[in-house]
Protein backbone atom coordinates (compact mmCIF):
# COMPACT_ATOMS: atom_id res chain seq x y z
CA MET A 1 143.59 63.52 10.67
CA LYS A 2 141.64 60.12 11.92
CA LYS A 3 141.17 62.03 15.69
CA ILE A 4 139.03 64.82 14.56
CA LEU A 5 137.44 63.13 12.37
CA TYR A 6 136.34 60.67 14.82
CA ALA A 7 135.74 63.67 16.94
CA CYS A 8 133.34 65.57 13.85
CA LEU A 9 131.83 61.96 13.35
CA LEU A 10 131.37 62.06 16.99
CA LEU A 11 130.06 65.23 17.46
CA TRP A 12 127.49 65.42 14.71
CA SER A 13 126.48 62.32 16.35
CA THR A 14 125.71 63.57 19.72
CA VAL A 15 123.73 66.92 17.90
CA TYR A 16 121.77 64.59 15.46
CA SER A 17 120.58 62.54 18.93
CA VAL A 18 119.75 65.79 20.55
CA GLU A 19 117.68 67.30 17.75
CA ALA A 20 115.95 64.06 16.97
CA ASN A 21 114.52 63.67 20.65
CA ILE A 22 113.60 67.15 20.29
CA VAL A 23 111.36 66.86 17.02
CA GLN A 24 110.36 63.90 19.40
CA LYS A 25 109.42 65.83 21.68
CA MET A 26 107.55 68.37 19.31
CA THR A 27 105.79 65.88 17.67
CA ASP A 28 104.51 64.22 20.93
CA THR A 29 103.75 67.42 22.80
CA ASN A 30 101.46 68.43 18.67
CA SER A 31 99.57 65.15 19.39
CA THR A 32 98.91 66.30 22.59
CA GLU A 33 97.59 69.41 22.11
CA LYS A 34 95.33 68.76 19.45
CA SER A 35 93.45 65.35 21.06
CA THR A 36 92.77 67.34 24.14
CA ALA A 37 91.02 70.39 24.54
CA VAL A 38 91.93 72.57 26.89
CA SER A 39 91.20 75.84 27.28
CA SER A 40 93.85 77.40 29.30
CA GLU A 41 97.56 75.18 29.09
CA PRO A 42 98.11 74.19 32.62
CA LYS A 43 100.71 75.80 35.67
CA LYS A 44 104.07 73.40 34.31
CA VAL A 45 105.78 72.00 37.32
CA THR A 46 109.47 70.28 38.34
CA VAL A 47 110.50 68.34 39.95
CA VAL A 48 113.27 69.23 41.98
CA THR A 49 115.70 65.39 43.06
CA ARG A 50 118.82 65.36 44.78
CA GLY A 51 119.94 63.93 41.29
CA ASP A 52 119.58 67.07 39.80
CA VAL A 53 120.96 69.36 42.27
CA LYS A 54 124.68 66.67 41.91
CA VAL A 55 124.51 66.67 38.46
CA ILE A 56 124.06 71.45 38.92
CA GLU A 57 127.33 71.08 41.05
CA ALA A 58 129.22 68.47 39.22
CA THR A 59 128.72 71.20 36.15
CA GLU A 60 129.95 73.94 38.05
CA ASN A 61 133.27 71.98 39.12
CA ILE A 62 134.14 70.94 35.22
CA ARG A 63 133.13 75.16 34.40
CA TYR A 64 136.29 75.60 37.08
CA ILE A 65 138.21 72.86 35.67
CA SER A 66 137.72 73.24 32.51
CA GLN A 67 139.02 77.11 31.88
CA GLN A 68 142.11 75.69 34.87
CA MET A 69 143.30 73.42 32.95
CA ALA A 70 143.95 75.87 29.47
CA LYS A 71 145.41 78.32 32.13
CA GLU A 72 147.84 75.72 33.79
CA TYR A 73 149.19 74.01 30.32
CA LEU A 74 149.37 77.46 29.38
CA PHE A 75 151.91 78.20 32.39
CA LEU A 76 153.29 74.64 31.35
CA TYR A 77 154.00 75.55 27.81
CA LYS A 78 155.14 78.99 28.38
CA MET A 79 156.95 79.10 32.03
CA PRO A 80 160.26 76.92 32.73
CA TYR A 81 158.42 75.11 36.75
CA GLN A 82 157.27 72.72 34.18
CA GLU A 83 157.02 70.12 37.18
CA THR A 84 155.30 71.19 39.40
CA THR A 85 152.47 72.38 36.98
CA LYS A 86 152.32 68.69 35.07
CA VAL A 87 151.78 67.64 38.80
CA ARG A 88 148.71 70.12 39.20
CA LEU A 89 147.75 69.20 35.38
CA LYS A 90 147.44 65.24 36.43
CA LYS A 91 145.57 66.53 39.51
CA ILE A 92 142.87 68.61 37.47
CA LEU A 93 142.66 65.78 34.92
CA ILE A 94 141.71 63.71 37.83
CA ALA A 95 138.41 66.06 39.12
CA LEU A 96 137.41 65.99 35.64
CA SER A 97 137.31 62.33 35.24
CA ASN A 98 135.48 62.23 39.15
CA ASN A 99 132.87 64.74 37.94
CA LEU A 100 131.71 63.60 34.49
CA ARG A 101 132.14 60.05 36.52
CA ALA A 102 129.20 61.88 38.90
CA ILE A 103 127.01 62.82 36.07
CA ALA A 104 127.15 59.88 35.03
CA ALA A 105 125.80 57.57 37.64
CA THR A 106 123.28 60.04 38.19
CA THR A 107 121.53 62.11 35.72
CA LYS A 108 119.11 59.53 33.80
CA ASP A 109 119.10 62.39 30.74
CA SER A 110 119.70 60.99 26.83
CA ASP A 111 120.67 63.67 25.94
CA THR A 112 122.90 64.46 28.52
CA LYS A 113 124.48 60.66 28.22
CA ASP A 114 125.35 61.64 24.75
CA ILE A 115 127.56 65.40 25.48
CA LEU A 116 129.08 63.26 28.02
CA GLU A 117 130.95 60.31 25.60
CA PHE A 118 131.79 63.48 23.77
CA LEU A 119 133.31 65.62 26.45
CA ALA A 120 134.62 61.68 27.74
CA TYR A 121 136.06 61.43 24.10
CA SER A 122 138.04 64.92 25.26
CA LYS A 123 139.28 64.53 28.77
CA ASP A 124 141.44 61.09 27.07
CA GLN A 125 141.98 63.05 23.66
CA ILE A 126 143.53 65.89 26.83
CA ALA A 127 145.10 63.40 28.59
CA GLU A 128 147.37 62.24 25.64
CA ILE A 129 148.25 65.82 25.28
CA PHE A 130 149.55 65.67 28.82
CA THR A 131 152.17 62.28 27.95
CA GLU A 132 153.93 64.93 25.59
CA LYS A 133 156.03 67.87 25.35
CA PRO A 134 154.38 70.69 25.12
CA ASP A 135 154.51 73.04 22.22
CA GLU A 136 152.16 75.78 20.08
CA GLU A 137 149.52 73.54 18.44
CA GLN A 138 149.01 71.70 21.86
CA ALA A 139 148.70 74.66 23.56
CA ALA A 140 146.10 76.22 20.95
CA LEU A 141 144.53 71.95 21.20
CA MET A 142 144.31 73.25 24.88
CA LEU A 143 142.58 75.89 24.34
CA ASP A 144 139.85 74.73 21.93
CA TYR A 145 139.24 71.66 25.00
CA SER A 146 138.95 74.51 27.60
CA GLU A 147 135.57 75.74 25.16
CA THR A 148 134.38 72.48 24.42
CA LEU A 149 134.58 71.47 28.12
CA LEU A 150 132.41 75.16 28.81
CA GLU A 151 129.23 73.93 26.21
CA GLY A 152 129.09 70.35 27.44
CA ALA A 153 129.12 71.40 30.83
CA ASP A 154 126.99 74.68 29.56
CA SER A 155 124.34 72.00 27.74
CA ILE A 156 124.47 69.50 30.33
CA ALA A 157 123.17 72.02 32.96
CA ALA A 158 120.65 73.55 30.74
CA ALA A 159 118.41 70.11 30.64
CA HIS A 160 118.71 69.93 34.72
CA THR A 161 118.12 73.04 35.87
CA TYR A 162 115.06 74.39 38.16
CA GLU A 163 114.32 77.81 39.68
CA PHE A 164 116.50 78.07 42.48
CA THR A 165 116.13 79.42 45.91
CA ASN A 166 117.68 82.89 46.80
CA GLU A 167 120.60 81.32 48.50
CA GLU A 168 121.12 78.54 46.34
CA HIS A 169 121.39 81.80 43.50
CA MET A 170 124.13 83.20 45.15
CA LEU A 171 126.10 79.75 45.81
CA ILE A 172 126.15 79.82 42.07
CA VAL A 173 126.75 83.33 41.59
CA MET A 174 130.61 82.32 43.53
CA LYS A 175 130.77 79.59 41.73
CA LYS A 176 130.79 81.22 38.23
CA MET A 177 133.20 83.93 40.23
CA GLU A 178 135.60 81.63 40.78
CA TYR A 179 135.03 80.01 37.00
CA LEU A 180 135.63 83.83 35.86
CA LEU A 181 138.82 84.62 37.68
CA GLU A 182 140.85 81.88 36.02
CA ARG A 183 138.60 82.13 32.38
CA MET A 184 140.45 85.83 33.02
CA MET A 185 143.49 84.46 34.02
CA LYS A 186 143.71 82.02 30.98
CA TYR A 187 143.20 84.67 28.51
CA TYR A 188 146.01 86.15 30.66
CA ILE A 189 148.61 84.12 29.84
CA ALA A 190 147.51 83.21 26.18
CA LEU A 191 147.43 86.87 24.68
CA HIS A 192 151.33 86.52 26.18
CA ALA A 193 151.56 82.59 24.50
CA GLY A 194 150.97 83.87 20.78
CA PHE A 195 147.26 83.52 20.74
CA ASP A 196 146.84 87.23 21.13
CA ASN A 197 144.23 87.49 18.32
CA PRO A 198 140.22 89.50 19.13
CA THR A 199 138.41 86.85 19.89
CA ASN A 200 140.64 85.93 23.06
CA LYS A 201 140.81 90.02 23.85
CA GLU A 202 137.07 90.06 23.76
CA GLN A 203 136.24 87.33 25.44
CA MET A 204 138.86 88.06 28.19
CA GLN A 205 136.89 91.82 28.67
CA GLU A 206 133.86 89.62 27.78
CA ALA A 207 134.70 87.20 31.58
CA ILE A 208 135.44 90.95 33.04
CA ALA A 209 132.45 92.43 32.77
CA LYS A 210 130.51 89.33 34.03
CA PHE A 211 132.72 89.61 36.84
CA ASP A 212 131.97 93.40 37.58
CA LYS A 213 127.65 92.08 37.42
CA ASN A 214 128.15 88.91 39.96
CA MET A 215 130.12 91.70 42.42
CA GLN A 216 126.90 93.77 42.26
CA MET A 217 125.06 90.72 42.89
CA ILE A 218 127.07 91.26 46.37
CA GLU A 219 126.97 93.84 46.97
CA GLU A 220 123.18 94.23 46.55
CA TYR A 221 122.68 91.38 48.69
CA THR A 222 122.44 92.07 52.98
CA TYR A 223 125.07 90.03 54.58
CA PRO A 224 125.63 89.98 58.41
CA GLU A 225 128.75 92.08 60.43
CA GLU A 226 130.55 89.14 60.75
CA MET A 227 131.02 88.85 56.70
CA HIS A 228 131.25 92.67 56.04
CA MET A 229 134.90 92.64 56.36
CA THR A 230 135.09 89.57 53.51
CA GLU A 231 132.86 91.86 51.45
CA LYS A 232 134.91 94.95 51.35
CA GLU A 233 138.08 92.55 51.03
CA VAL A 234 136.02 91.23 48.01
CA MET A 235 135.59 94.69 45.79
CA ARG A 236 139.46 96.23 46.84
CA SER A 237 141.21 92.73 45.64
CA TRP A 238 138.83 92.42 42.79
CA GLU A 239 139.57 96.85 41.84
CA GLU A 240 143.47 95.98 42.37
CA ASN A 241 143.38 92.65 39.83
CA LYS A 242 141.15 93.96 37.19
CA LYS A 243 143.45 97.11 37.08
CA PHE A 244 146.11 94.80 35.77
CA PHE A 245 143.92 92.77 33.48
CA MET A 246 142.21 95.73 31.73
CA ARG A 247 146.22 96.33 31.45
CA SER A 248 147.30 92.96 30.39
CA ASP A 249 148.68 94.51 26.34
CA SER A 250 151.53 96.29 28.43
CA LEU A 251 152.20 94.74 31.68
CA PHE A 252 152.27 90.93 31.62
CA ILE A 253 153.50 89.74 35.27
CA PRO A 254 151.78 86.02 34.97
CA LYS A 255 153.89 84.14 38.86
CA LEU A 256 152.21 88.01 40.21
CA MET A 257 148.98 87.61 38.74
CA SER A 258 148.28 84.05 39.97
CA LEU A 259 148.81 84.61 43.54
CA SER A 260 146.81 88.12 43.69
CA THR A 261 143.66 86.00 41.95
CA GLN A 262 144.44 82.44 43.69
CA TYR A 263 144.34 84.48 47.01
CA LEU A 264 140.57 86.43 45.52
CA GLU A 265 139.11 82.88 45.34
CA ALA A 266 139.90 81.65 48.74
CA LEU A 267 138.08 85.23 49.29
CA ILE A 268 135.27 84.36 47.55
CA VAL A 269 135.39 80.57 48.95
CA GLN A 270 134.38 81.77 52.08
CA ILE A 271 131.34 84.22 50.22
CA ALA A 272 130.62 80.41 49.28
CA LEU A 273 130.83 78.03 52.68
CA TYR A 274 128.26 81.78 54.03
CA HIS A 275 125.75 80.73 51.87
CA THR A 276 126.33 76.82 51.36
CA LYS A 277 125.69 76.94 55.55
CA ASN A 278 122.57 79.73 55.65
CA GLN A 279 120.70 77.48 52.87
């Protein structure tokens, strides 16, 4: 109960700090507008720093980790192969810590620092869950924490966003597709682990729809001839995976789906590497 109270107080403190900063910025803006007689509003110039790029990269990693971690924990809760899963979870937790530190060492944004404090607390709570025997209550907490990490990463990314080049945009699309696959798998397992509520079903369908939209972006992009085979294989693999995701209510094959989505992720990484080299 104390942990929950502390979390609520910390979250309230974070929200209060963010709102206070917003109010102060609005006040400063109003004062400037009143004291300066200008016929037209000057064009806003966004200065992109290497720090912003690093933060965006780290937030994309955290989005992916947030879903991957919950998926693996549900495997730990539902499947008998616990030792190998425990090893993977430890590595994922280390990756989460590294990305949180990368943002902390880079950002100067006060709102981002407040959110980081809350995410660091969530990470510590997750580490404590890993020391206990998996059960339904802990699995439910992991689902909640995965959404907490996701929302935090989204908020931090919004504070450091800038106008992406076409290749940067496509690279972000690839990262989102990796994250969406992990999200689909998270809910695929959750629905068969006792968490088959309407919200989780809707979230899974929403992830499928978003992945379809990103697939359209791949189809619309003009890739060179040497990438055509990879592009076609991504499309074929997705159509096969999508069939089983859509039949998740009646057909549950978690190990096969895990291997299949890992293969699709590997293909997406190949396309991501092309966009990285093409920047």
